[in-house]
Amino acid sequence: MKSINYYIREGKHPVTAVTVYKQDELISRGVAVCNKCDQFIKSVGRDLSKLRAAKAISKEKSFGKIRQNILVDKLHKYKCEFMPELTDYEIELLTEPVKK
């Protein structure tokens, strides 16, 4: 299984942590949006997004709809997303050769 993590720092909320998992032909995305009143802790956001991506694969469905007023973009609609439409950036990250 291959996973990538990245962070989005724009929009109404300070930071969104995103994890994309690829297991064989299955792909999932987990999203953790930081509340504007909270202090962002990178490890907490990363762990939460990883957990959500793993849940989407295990349940083979998307759930946990993100409220419209905090959407980062139109492609990140669920906190746990199964077989999402990947962004160009996610495709690039998943196809990058492993650095040694």
PDB file of N, CA and C in Angstrom:
ATOM      1  N   MET A   1       0.847  -1.173   0.000  1.00  0.00           N
ATOM      2  CA  MET A   1       0.000   0.000   0.000  1.00  0.00           C
ATOM      3  C   MET A   1       0.892   1.236   0.000  1.00  0.00           C
ATOM      4  N   LYS A   2       0.532   2.196  -0.806  1.00  0.00           N
ATOM      5  CA  LYS A   2       1.276   3.448  -0.868  1.00  0.00           C
ATOM      6  C   LYS A   2       0.391   4.558  -0.329  1.00  0.00           C
ATOM      7  N   SER A   3       0.972   5.439   0.468  1.00  0.00           N
ATOM      8  CA  SER A   3       0.201   6.575   0.967  1.00  0.00           C
ATOM      9  C   SER A   3       1.014   7.850   0.821  1.00  0.00           C
ATOM     10  N   ILE A   4       0.293   8.937   0.624  1.00  0.00           N
ATOM     11  CA  ILE A   4       0.911  10.256   0.557  1.00  0.00           C
ATOM     12  C   ILE A   4       0.154  11.172   1.506  1.00  0.00           C
ATOM     13  N   ASN A   5       0.846  12.107   2.078  1.00  0.00           N
ATOM     14  CA  ASN A   5       0.235  13.110   2.955  1.00  0.00           C
ATOM     15  C   ASN A   5       0.614  14.480   2.429  1.00  0.00           C
ATOM     16  N   TYR A   6      -0.339  15.399   2.484  1.00  0.00           N
ATOM     17  CA  TYR A   6      -0.029  16.779   2.152  1.00  0.00           C
ATOM     18  C   TYR A   6      -0.980  17.685   2.907  1.00  0.00           C
ATOM     19  N   TYR A   7      -0.664  18.958   2.896  1.00  0.00           N
ATOM     20  CA  TYR A   7      -1.429  19.935   3.672  1.00  0.00           C
ATOM     21  C   TYR A   7      -1.855  21.078   2.766  1.00  0.00           C
ATOM     22  N   ILE A   8      -3.048  21.587   3.002  1.00  0.00           N
ATOM     23  CA  ILE A   8      -3.578  22.717   2.248  1.00  0.00           C
ATOM     24  C   ILE A   8      -3.707  23.873   3.225  1.00  0.00           C
ATOM     25  N   ARG A   9      -3.099  24.990   2.896  1.00  0.00           N
ATOM     26  CA  ARG A   9      -3.136  26.171   3.762  1.00  0.00           C
ATOM     27  C   ARG A   9      -3.786  27.324   3.020  1.00  0.00           C
ATOM     28  N   GLU A  10      -5.087  27.248   2.846  1.00  0.00           N
ATOM     29  CA  GLU A  10      -5.826  28.324   2.201  1.00  0.00           C
ATOM     30  C   GLU A  10      -7.301  28.188   2.532  1.00  0.00           C
ATOM     31  N   GLY A  11      -8.069  29.124   2.132  1.00  0.00           N
ATOM     32  CA  GLY A  11      -9.496  29.068   2.401  1.00  0.00           C
ATOM     33  C   GLY A  11      -9.831  29.642   3.760  1.00  0.00           C
ATOM     34  N   LYS A  12     -10.996  29.282   4.264  1.00  0.00           N
ATOM     35  CA  LYS A  12     -11.502  29.838   5.519  1.00  0.00           C
ATOM     36  C   LYS A  12     -10.866  29.207   6.745  1.00  0.00           C
ATOM     37  N   HIS A  13     -10.263  28.058   6.590  1.00  0.00           N
ATOM     38  CA  HIS A  13      -9.669  27.347   7.720  1.00  0.00           C
ATOM     39  C   HIS A  13      -8.164  27.290   7.546  1.00  0.00           C
ATOM     40  N   PRO A  14      -7.430  27.334   8.653  1.00  0.00           N
ATOM     41  CA  PRO A  14      -5.978  27.460   8.550  1.00  0.00           C
ATOM     42  C   PRO A  14      -5.296  26.323   7.807  1.00  0.00           C
ATOM     43  N   VAL A  15      -5.638  25.084   8.121  1.00  0.00           N
ATOM     44  CA  VAL A  15      -4.931  23.973   7.498  1.00  0.00           C
ATOM     45  C   VAL A  15      -5.863  22.774   7.348  1.00  0.00           C
ATOM     46  N   THR A  16      -5.708  22.088   6.233  1.00  0.00           N
ATOM     47  CA  THR A  16      -6.393  20.828   6.006  1.00  0.00           C
ATOM     48  C   THR A  16      -5.323  19.779   5.751  1.00  0.00           C
ATOM     49  N   ALA A  17      -5.385  18.672   6.487  1.00  0.00           N
ATOM     50  CA  ALA A  17      -4.462  17.562   6.271  1.00  0.00           C
ATOM     51  C   ALA A  17      -5.162  16.532   5.397  1.00  0.00           C
ATOM     52  N   VAL A  18      -4.452  16.037   4.392  1.00  0.00           N
ATOM     53  CA  VAL A  18      -5.042  15.078   3.455  1.00  0.00           C
ATOM     54  C   VAL A  18      -4.110  13.886   3.314  1.00  0.00           C
ATOM     55  N   THR A  19      -4.677  12.698   3.350  1.00  0.00           N
ATOM     56  CA  THR A  19      -3.934  11.474   3.087  1.00  0.00           C
ATOM     57  C   THR A  19      -4.626  10.736   1.955  1.00  0.00           C
ATOM     58  N   VAL A  20      -3.859  10.281   0.978  1.00  0.00           N
ATOM     59  CA  VAL A  20      -4.393   9.459  -0.099  1.00  0.00           C
ATOM     60  C   VAL A  20      -3.692   8.108  -0.017  1.00  0.00           C
ATOM     61  N   TYR A  21      -4.492   7.043   0.053  1.00  0.00           N
ATOM     62  CA  TYR A  21      -3.968   5.673   0.078  1.00  0.00           C
ATOM     63  C   TYR A  21      -4.243   5.015  -1.257  1.00  0.00           C
ATOM     64  N   LYS A  22      -3.277   4.232  -1.694  1.00  0.00           N
ATOM     65  CA  LYS A  22      -3.481   3.401  -2.876  1.00  0.00           C
ATOM     66  C   LYS A  22      -3.117   1.980  -2.483  1.00  0.00           C
ATOM     67  N   GLN A  23      -4.108   1.093  -2.539  1.00  0.00           N
ATOM     68  CA  GLN A  23      -3.899  -0.313  -2.201  1.00  0.00           C
ATOM     69  C   GLN A  23      -4.367  -1.122  -3.396  1.00  0.00           C
ATOM     70  N   ASP A  24      -3.440  -1.746  -4.097  1.00  0.00           N
ATOM     71  CA  ASP A  24      -3.728  -2.411  -5.365  1.00  0.00           C
ATOM     72  C   ASP A  24      -4.386  -1.385  -6.289  1.00  0.00           C
ATOM     73  N   GLU A  25      -5.624  -1.615  -6.673  1.00  0.00           N
ATOM     74  CA  GLU A  25      -6.325  -0.667  -7.547  1.00  0.00           C
ATOM     75  C   GLU A  25      -7.286   0.227  -6.769  1.00  0.00           C
ATOM     76  N   LEU A  26      -7.378   0.027  -5.449  1.00  0.00           N
ATOM     77  CA  LEU A  26      -8.289   0.828  -4.635  1.00  0.00           C
ATOM     78  C   LEU A  26      -7.592   2.094  -4.150  1.00  0.00           C
ATOM     79  N   ILE A  27      -8.319   3.193  -4.196  1.00  0.00           N
ATOM     80  CA  ILE A  27      -7.781   4.474  -3.741  1.00  0.00           C
ATOM     81  C   ILE A  27      -8.777   5.096  -2.777  1.00  0.00           C
ATOM     82  N   SER A  28      -8.261   5.713  -1.721  1.00  0.00           N
ATOM     83  CA  SER A  28      -9.124   6.427  -0.787  1.00  0.00           C
ATOM     84  C   SER A  28      -8.436   7.716  -0.356  1.00  0.00           C
ATOM     85  N   ARG A  29      -9.260   8.645   0.147  1.00  0.00           N
ATOM     86  CA  ARG A  29      -8.733   9.915   0.641  1.00  0.00           C
ATOM     87  C   ARG A  29      -9.325  10.178   2.017  1.00  0.00           C
ATOM     88  N   GLY A  30      -8.491  10.625   2.941  1.00  0.00           N
ATOM     89  CA  GLY A  30      -8.948  11.054   4.256  1.00  0.00           C
ATOM     90  C   GLY A  30      -8.626  12.526   4.427  1.00  0.00           C
ATOM     91  N   VAL A  31      -9.559  13.282   4.988  1.00  0.00           N
ATOM     92  CA  VAL A  31      -9.385  14.724   5.135  1.00  0.00           C
ATOM     93  C   VAL A  31      -9.650  15.120   6.583  1.00  0.00           C
ATOM     94  N   ALA A  32      -8.781  15.954   7.139  1.00  0.00           N
ATOM     95  CA  ALA A  32      -8.970  16.514   8.477  1.00  0.00           C
ATOM     96  C   ALA A  32      -8.853  18.028   8.367  1.00  0.00           C
ATOM     97  N   VAL A  33      -9.946  18.724   8.640  1.00  0.00           N
ATOM     98  CA  VAL A  33      -9.978  20.183   8.538  1.00  0.00           C
ATOM     99  C   VAL A  33      -9.820  20.780   9.934  1.00  0.00           C
ATOM    100  N   CYS A  34      -8.853  21.654  10.081  1.00  0.00           N
ATOM    101  CA  CYS A  34      -8.614  22.306  11.367  1.00  0.00           C
ATOM    102  C   CYS A  34      -9.661  23.390  11.592  1.00  0.00           C
ATOM    103  N   ASN A  35     -10.237  23.389  12.764  1.00  0.00           N
ATOM    104  CA  ASN A  35     -11.178  24.438  13.131  1.00  0.00           C
ATOM    105  C   ASN A  35     -10.408  25.739  13.293  1.00  0.00           C
ATOM    106  N   LYS A  36     -10.994  26.844  12.853  1.00  0.00           N
ATOM    107  CA  LYS A  36     -10.268  28.120  12.931  1.00  0.00           C
ATOM    108  C   LYS A  36      -9.979  28.552  14.364  1.00  0.00           C
ATOM    109  N   CYS A  37     -10.663  27.968  15.334  1.00  0.00           N
ATOM    110  CA  CYS A  37     -10.422  28.291  16.751  1.00  0.00           C
ATOM    111  C   CYS A  37      -9.347  27.404  17.374  1.00  0.00           C
ATOM    112  N   ASP A  38      -8.939  26.343  16.685  1.00  0.00           N
ATOM    113  CA  ASP A  38      -7.965  25.396  17.230  1.00  0.00           C
ATOM    114  C   ASP A  38      -6.556  25.704  16.757  1.00  0.00           C
ATOM    115  N   GLN A  39      -5.597  25.264  17.532  1.00  0.00           N
ATOM    116  CA  GLN A  39      -4.199  25.326  17.144  1.00  0.00           C
ATOM    117  C   GLN A  39      -3.922  24.116  16.258  1.00  0.00           C
ATOM    118  N   PHE A  40      -3.404  24.328  15.074  1.00  0.00           N
ATOM    119  CA  PHE A  40      -3.107  23.213  14.180  1.00  0.00           C
ATOM    120  C   PHE A  40      -1.887  22.454  14.677  1.00  0.00           C
ATOM    121  N   ILE A  41      -2.027  21.148  14.793  1.00  0.00           N
ATOM    122  CA  ILE A  41      -0.915  20.266  15.159  1.00  0.00           C
ATOM    123  C   ILE A  41      -0.779  19.266  14.015  1.00  0.00           C
ATOM    124  N   LYS A  42       0.303  19.394  13.290  1.00  0.00           N
ATOM    125  CA  LYS A  42       0.509  18.628  12.063  1.00  0.00           C
ATOM    126  C   LYS A  42       0.305  17.122  12.270  1.00  0.00           C
ATOM    127  N   SER A  43       0.878  16.566  13.336  1.00  0.00           N
ATOM    128  CA  SER A  43       0.797  15.120  13.567  1.00  0.00           C
ATOM    129  C   SER A  43      -0.641  14.668  13.837  1.00  0.00           C
ATOM    130  N   VAL A  44      -1.436  15.487  14.513  1.00  0.00           N
ATOM    131  CA  VAL A  44      -2.832  15.134  14.797  1.00  0.00           C
ATOM    132  C   VAL A  44      -3.641  15.122  13.499  1.00  0.00           C
ATOM    133  N   GLY A  45      -3.480  16.159  12.675  1.00  0.00           N
ATOM    134  CA  GLY A  45      -4.185  16.213  11.396  1.00  0.00           C
ATOM    135  C   GLY A  45      -3.799  15.061  10.487  1.00  0.00           C
ATOM    136  N   ARG A  46      -2.495  14.757  10.436  1.00  0.00           N
ATOM    137  CA  ARG A  46      -2.009  13.661   9.597  1.00  0.00           C
ATOM    138  C   ARG A  46      -2.572  12.323  10.074  1.00  0.00           C
ATOM    139  N   ASP A  47      -2.530  12.076  11.384  1.00  0.00           N
ATOM    140  CA  ASP A  47      -3.040  10.809  11.921  1.00  0.00           C
ATOM    141  C   ASP A  47      -4.538  10.659  11.673  1.00  0.00           C
ATOM    142  N   LEU A  48      -5.284  11.738  11.862  1.00  0.00           N
ATOM    143  CA  LEU A  48      -6.725  11.702  11.637  1.00  0.00           C
ATOM    144  C   LEU A  48      -7.048  11.457  10.168  1.00  0.00           C
ATOM    145  N   SER A  49      -6.330  12.116   9.262  1.00  0.00           N
ATOM    146  CA  SER A  49      -6.599  11.911   7.841  1.00  0.00           C
ATOM    147  C   SER A  49      -6.213  10.494   7.407  1.00  0.00           C
ATOM    148  N   LYS A  50      -5.135   9.934   7.972  1.00  0.00           N
ATOM    149  CA  LYS A  50      -4.749   8.549   7.670  1.00  0.00           C
ATOM    150  C   LYS A  50      -5.829   7.571   8.127  1.00  0.00           C
ATOM    151  N   LEU A  51      -6.325   7.787   9.338  1.00  0.00           N
ATOM    152  CA  LEU A  51      -7.381   6.927   9.874  1.00  0.00           C
ATOM    153  C   LEU A  51      -8.618   6.977   8.981  1.00  0.00           C
ATOM    154  N   ARG A  52      -8.978   8.163   8.548  1.00  0.00           N
ATOM    155  CA  ARG A  52     -10.162   8.318   7.694  1.00  0.00           C
ATOM    156  C   ARG A  52      -9.969   7.668   6.326  1.00  0.00           C
ATOM    157  N   ALA A  53      -8.782   7.767   5.762  1.00  0.00           N
ATOM    158  CA  ALA A  53      -8.514   7.117   4.476  1.00  0.00           C
ATOM    159  C   ALA A  53      -8.598   5.593   4.622  1.00  0.00           C
ATOM    160  N   ALA A  54      -8.070   5.067   5.723  1.00  0.00           N
ATOM    161  CA  ALA A  54      -8.130   3.619   5.972  1.00  0.00           C
ATOM    162  C   ALA A  54      -9.578   3.159   6.164  1.00  0.00           C
ATOM    163  N   LYS A  55     -10.392   3.962   6.853  1.00  0.00           N
ATOM    164  CA  LYS A  55     -11.812   3.615   7.048  1.00  0.00           C
ATOM    165  C   LYS A  55     -12.545   3.551   5.718  1.00  0.00           C
ATOM    166  N   ALA A  56     -12.259   4.489   4.830  1.00  0.00           N
ATOM    167  CA  ALA A  56     -12.927   4.506   3.524  1.00  0.00           C
ATOM    168  C   ALA A  56     -12.599   3.240   2.738  1.00  0.00           C
ATOM    169  N   ILE A  57     -11.357   2.780   2.820  1.00  0.00           N
ATOM    170  CA  ILE A  57     -10.974   1.535   2.118  1.00  0.00           C
ATOM    171  C   ILE A  57     -11.661   0.337   2.755  1.00  0.00           C
ATOM    172  N   SER A  58     -11.665   0.284   4.089  1.00  0.00           N
ATOM    173  CA  SER A  58     -12.248  -0.886   4.760  1.00  0.00           C
ATOM    174  C   SER A  58     -13.765  -0.973   4.545  1.00  0.00           C
ATOM    175  N   LYS A  59     -14.447   0.165   4.485  1.00  0.00           N
ATOM    176  CA  LYS A  59     -15.898   0.164   4.285  1.00  0.00           C
ATOM    177  C   LYS A  59     -16.282   0.232   2.808  1.00  0.00           C
ATOM    178  N   GLU A  60     -15.303   0.536   1.958  1.00  0.00           N
ATOM    179  CA  GLU A  60     -15.516   0.683   0.521  1.00  0.00           C
ATOM    180  C   GLU A  60     -16.664   1.626   0.198  1.00  0.00           C
ATOM    181  N   LYS A  61     -16.674   2.768   0.895  1.00  0.00           N
ATOM    182  CA  LYS A  61     -17.659   3.800   0.599  1.00  0.00           C
ATOM    183  C   LYS A  61     -17.168   5.135   1.143  1.00  0.00           C
ATOM    184  N   SER A  62     -17.781   6.197   0.634  1.00  0.00           N
ATOM    185  CA  SER A  62     -17.474   7.549   1.102  1.00  0.00           C
ATOM    186  C   SER A  62     -18.495   7.962   2.143  1.00  0.00           C
ATOM    187  N   PHE A  63     -18.041   8.677   3.170  1.00  0.00           N
ATOM    188  CA  PHE A  63     -18.966   9.157   4.193  1.00  0.00           C
ATOM    189  C   PHE A  63     -18.319  10.305   4.956  1.00  0.00           C
ATOM    190  N   GLY A  64     -19.095  10.967   5.791  1.00  0.00           N
ATOM    191  CA  GLY A  64     -18.596  12.100   6.550  1.00  0.00           C
ATOM    192  C   GLY A  64     -18.530  13.347   5.684  1.00  0.00           C
ATOM    193  N   LYS A  65     -19.648  13.710   5.084  1.00  0.00           N
ATOM    194  CA  LYS A  65     -19.690  14.861   4.184  1.00  0.00           C
ATOM    195  C   LYS A  65     -19.157  16.116   4.888  1.00  0.00           C
ATOM    196  N   ILE A  66     -18.295  16.837   4.193  1.00  0.00           N
ATOM    197  CA  ILE A  66     -17.736  18.084   4.713  1.00  0.00           C
ATOM    198  C   ILE A  66     -18.740  19.195   4.445  1.00  0.00           C
ATOM    199  N   ARG A  67     -19.023  19.989   5.474  1.00  0.00           N
ATOM    200  CA  ARG A  67     -19.993  21.080   5.316  1.00  0.00           C
ATOM    201  C   ARG A  67     -19.580  22.019   4.187  1.00  0.00           C
ATOM    202  N   GLN A  68     -20.543  22.465   3.427  1.00  0.00           N
ATOM    203  CA  GLN A  68     -20.301  23.313   2.265  1.00  0.00           C
ATOM    204  C   GLN A  68     -19.500  24.561   2.613  1.00  0.00           C
ATOM    205  N   ASN A  69     -19.728  25.143   3.783  1.00  0.00           N
ATOM    206  CA  ASN A  69     -19.053  26.389   4.122  1.00  0.00           C
ATOM    207  C   ASN A  69     -17.580  26.216   4.489  1.00  0.00           C
ATOM    208  N   ILE A  70     -17.111  24.970   4.640  1.00  0.00           N
ATOM    209  CA  ILE A  70     -15.684  24.771   4.924  1.00  0.00           C
ATOM    210  C   ILE A  70     -14.978  23.946   3.852  1.00  0.00           C
ATOM    211  N   LEU A  71     -15.641  23.722   2.715  1.00  0.00           N
ATOM    212  CA  LEU A  71     -14.995  22.993   1.629  1.00  0.00           C
ATOM    213  C   LEU A  71     -13.728  23.715   1.189  1.00  0.00           C
ATOM    214  N   VAL A  72     -12.651  22.971   1.036  1.00  0.00           N
ATOM    215  CA  VAL A  72     -11.405  23.542   0.548  1.00  0.00           C
ATOM    216  C   VAL A  72     -11.510  23.749  -0.961  1.00  0.00           C
ATOM    217  N   ASP A  73     -12.006  22.754  -1.646  1.00  0.00           N
ATOM    218  CA  ASP A  73     -12.277  22.853  -3.076  1.00  0.00           C
ATOM    219  C   ASP A  73     -13.383  21.868  -3.410  1.00  0.00           C
ATOM    220  N   LYS A  74     -13.797  21.831  -4.640  1.00  0.00           N
ATOM    221  CA  LYS A  74     -14.938  20.994  -5.024  1.00  0.00           C
ATOM    222  C   LYS A  74     -14.620  19.502  -5.044  1.00  0.00           C
ATOM    223  N   LEU A  75     -13.344  19.125  -5.010  1.00  0.00           N
ATOM    224  CA  LEU A  75     -12.989  17.710  -5.045  1.00  0.00           C
ATOM    225  C   LEU A  75     -12.897  17.069  -3.666  1.00  0.00           C
ATOM    226  N   HIS A  76     -12.749  17.866  -2.614  1.00  0.00           N
ATOM    227  CA  HIS A  76     -12.672  17.327  -1.254  1.00  0.00           C
ATOM    228  C   HIS A  76     -14.058  17.469  -0.611  1.00  0.00           C
ATOM    229  N   LYS A  77     -14.939  16.486  -0.871  1.00  0.00           N
ATOM    230  CA  LYS A  77     -16.325  16.579  -0.402  1.00  0.00           C
ATOM    231  C   LYS A  77     -16.589  15.775   0.866  1.00  0.00           C
ATOM    232  N   TYR A  78     -15.778  14.758   1.117  1.00  0.00           N
ATOM    233  CA  TYR A  78     -15.995  13.864   2.255  1.00  0.00           C
ATOM    234  C   TYR A  78     -14.742  13.774   3.110  1.00  0.00           C
ATOM    235  N   LYS A  79     -14.931  13.526   4.403  1.00  0.00           N
ATOM    236  CA  LYS A  79     -13.791  13.293   5.284  1.00  0.00           C
ATOM    237  C   LYS A  79     -13.181  11.925   4.994  1.00  0.00           C
ATOM    238  N   CYS A  80     -14.024  10.950   4.652  1.00  0.00           N
ATOM    239  CA  CYS A  80     -13.586   9.606   4.283  1.00  0.00           C
ATOM    240  C   CYS A  80     -14.124   9.341   2.885  1.00  0.00           C
ATOM    241  N   GLU A  81     -13.241   9.281   1.897  1.00  0.00           N
ATOM    242  CA  GLU A  81     -13.712   9.157   0.516  1.00  0.00           C
ATOM    243  C   GLU A  81     -13.101   7.937  -0.160  1.00  0.00           C
ATOM    244  N   PHE A  82     -13.968   7.099  -0.723  1.00  0.00           N
ATOM    245  CA  PHE A  82     -13.566   5.881  -1.416  1.00  0.00           C
ATOM    246  C   PHE A  82     -13.592   6.130  -2.918  1.00  0.00           C
ATOM    247  N   MET A  83     -12.511   5.789  -3.590  1.00  0.00           N
ATOM    248  CA  MET A  83     -12.365   5.964  -5.036  1.00  0.00           C
ATOM    249  C   MET A  83     -12.672   7.405  -5.464  1.00  0.00           C
ATOM    250  N   PRO A  84     -11.961   8.379  -4.858  1.00  0.00           N
ATOM    251  CA  PRO A  84     -12.220   9.781  -5.189  1.00  0.00           C
ATOM    252  C   PRO A  84     -11.648  10.158  -6.554  1.00  0.00           C
ATOM    253  N   GLU A  85     -12.148  11.255  -7.080  1.00  0.00           N
ATOM    254  CA  GLU A  85     -11.528  11.854  -8.252  1.00  0.00           C
ATOM    255  C   GLU A  85     -10.289  12.576  -7.734  1.00  0.00           C
ATOM    256  N   LEU A  86      -9.126  12.147  -8.181  1.00  0.00           N
ATOM    257  CA  LEU A  86      -7.885  12.712  -7.672  1.00  0.00           C
ATOM    258  C   LEU A  86      -7.584  14.065  -8.315  1.00  0.00           C
ATOM    259  N   THR A  87      -6.971  14.935  -7.532  1.00  0.00           N
ATOM    260  CA  THR A  87      -6.517  16.209  -8.075  1.00  0.00           C
ATOM    261  C   THR A  87      -5.254  15.960  -8.896  1.00  0.00           C
ATOM    262  N   ASP A  88      -4.884  16.909  -9.722  1.00  0.00           N
ATOM    263  CA  ASP A  88      -3.644  16.780 -10.498  1.00  0.00           C
ATOM    264  C   ASP A  88      -2.444  16.625  -9.569  1.00  0.00           C
ATOM    265  N   TYR A  89      -2.464  17.344  -8.460  1.00  0.00           N
ATOM    266  CA  TYR A  89      -1.372  17.277  -7.488  1.00  0.00           C
ATOM    267  C   TYR A  89      -1.275  15.876  -6.873  1.00  0.00           C
ATOM    268  N   GLU A  90      -2.418  15.269  -6.530  1.00  0.00           N
ATOM    269  CA  GLU A  90      -2.419  13.912  -5.957  1.00  0.00           C
ATOM    270  C   GLU A  90      -1.908  12.896  -6.967  1.00  0.00           C
ATOM    271  N   ILE A  91      -2.296  13.035  -8.212  1.00  0.00           N
ATOM    272  CA  ILE A  91      -1.820  12.126  -9.255  1.00  0.00           C
ATOM    273  C   ILE A  91      -0.301  12.232  -9.381  1.00  0.00           C
ATOM    274  N   GLU A  92       0.192  13.457  -9.363  1.00  0.00           N
ATOM    275  CA  GLU A  92       1.638  13.685  -9.443  1.00  0.00           C
ATOM    276  C   GLU A  92       2.360  13.042  -8.252  1.00  0.00           C
ATOM    277  N   LEU A  93       1.822  13.214  -7.061  1.00  0.00           N
ATOM    278  CA  LEU A  93       2.449  12.645  -5.863  1.00  0.00           C
ATOM    279  C   LEU A  93       2.444  11.117  -5.888  1.00  0.00           C
ATOM    280  N   LEU A  94       1.353  10.521  -6.349  1.00  0.00           N
ATOM    281  CA  LEU A  94       1.266   9.062  -6.379  1.00  0.00           C
ATOM    282  C   LEU A  94       2.163   8.437  -7.445  1.00  0.00           C
ATOM    283  N   THR A  95       2.485   9.176  -8.488  1.00  0.00           N
ATOM    284  CA  THR A  95       3.306   8.605  -9.554  1.00  0.00           C
ATOM    285  C   THR A  95       4.775   8.985  -9.430  1.00  0.00           C
ATOM    286  N   GLU A  96       5.117   9.821  -8.447  1.00  0.00           N
ATOM    287  CA  GLU A  96       6.511  10.211  -8.235  1.00  0.00           C
ATOM    288  C   GLU A  96       7.346   9.004  -7.836  1.00  0.00           C
ATOM    289  N   PRO A  97       8.552   8.871  -8.378  1.00  0.00           N
ATOM    290  CA  PRO A  97       9.419   7.762  -7.957  1.00  0.00           C
ATOM    291  C   PRO A  97       9.818   7.926  -6.486  1.00  0.00           C
ATOM    292  N   VAL A  98      10.017   6.805  -5.820  1.00  0.00           N
ATOM    293  CA  VAL A  98      10.408   6.823  -4.412  1.00  0.00           C
ATOM    294  C   VAL A  98      11.824   7.353  -4.293  1.00  0.00           C
ATOM    295  N   LYS A  99      12.022   8.319  -3.388  1.00  0.00           N
ATOM    296  CA  LYS A  99      13.360   8.892  -3.162  1.00  0.00           C
ATOM    297  C   LYS A  99      14.134   8.008  -2.199  1.00  0.00           C
ATOM    298  N   LYS A 100      15.404   7.787  -2.521  1.00  0.00           N
ATOM    299  CA  LYS A 100      16.237   6.954  -1.653  1.00  0.00           C
ATOM    300  C   LYS A 100      17.167   7.792  -0.833  1.00  0.00           C
TER     301      LYS A 100
END
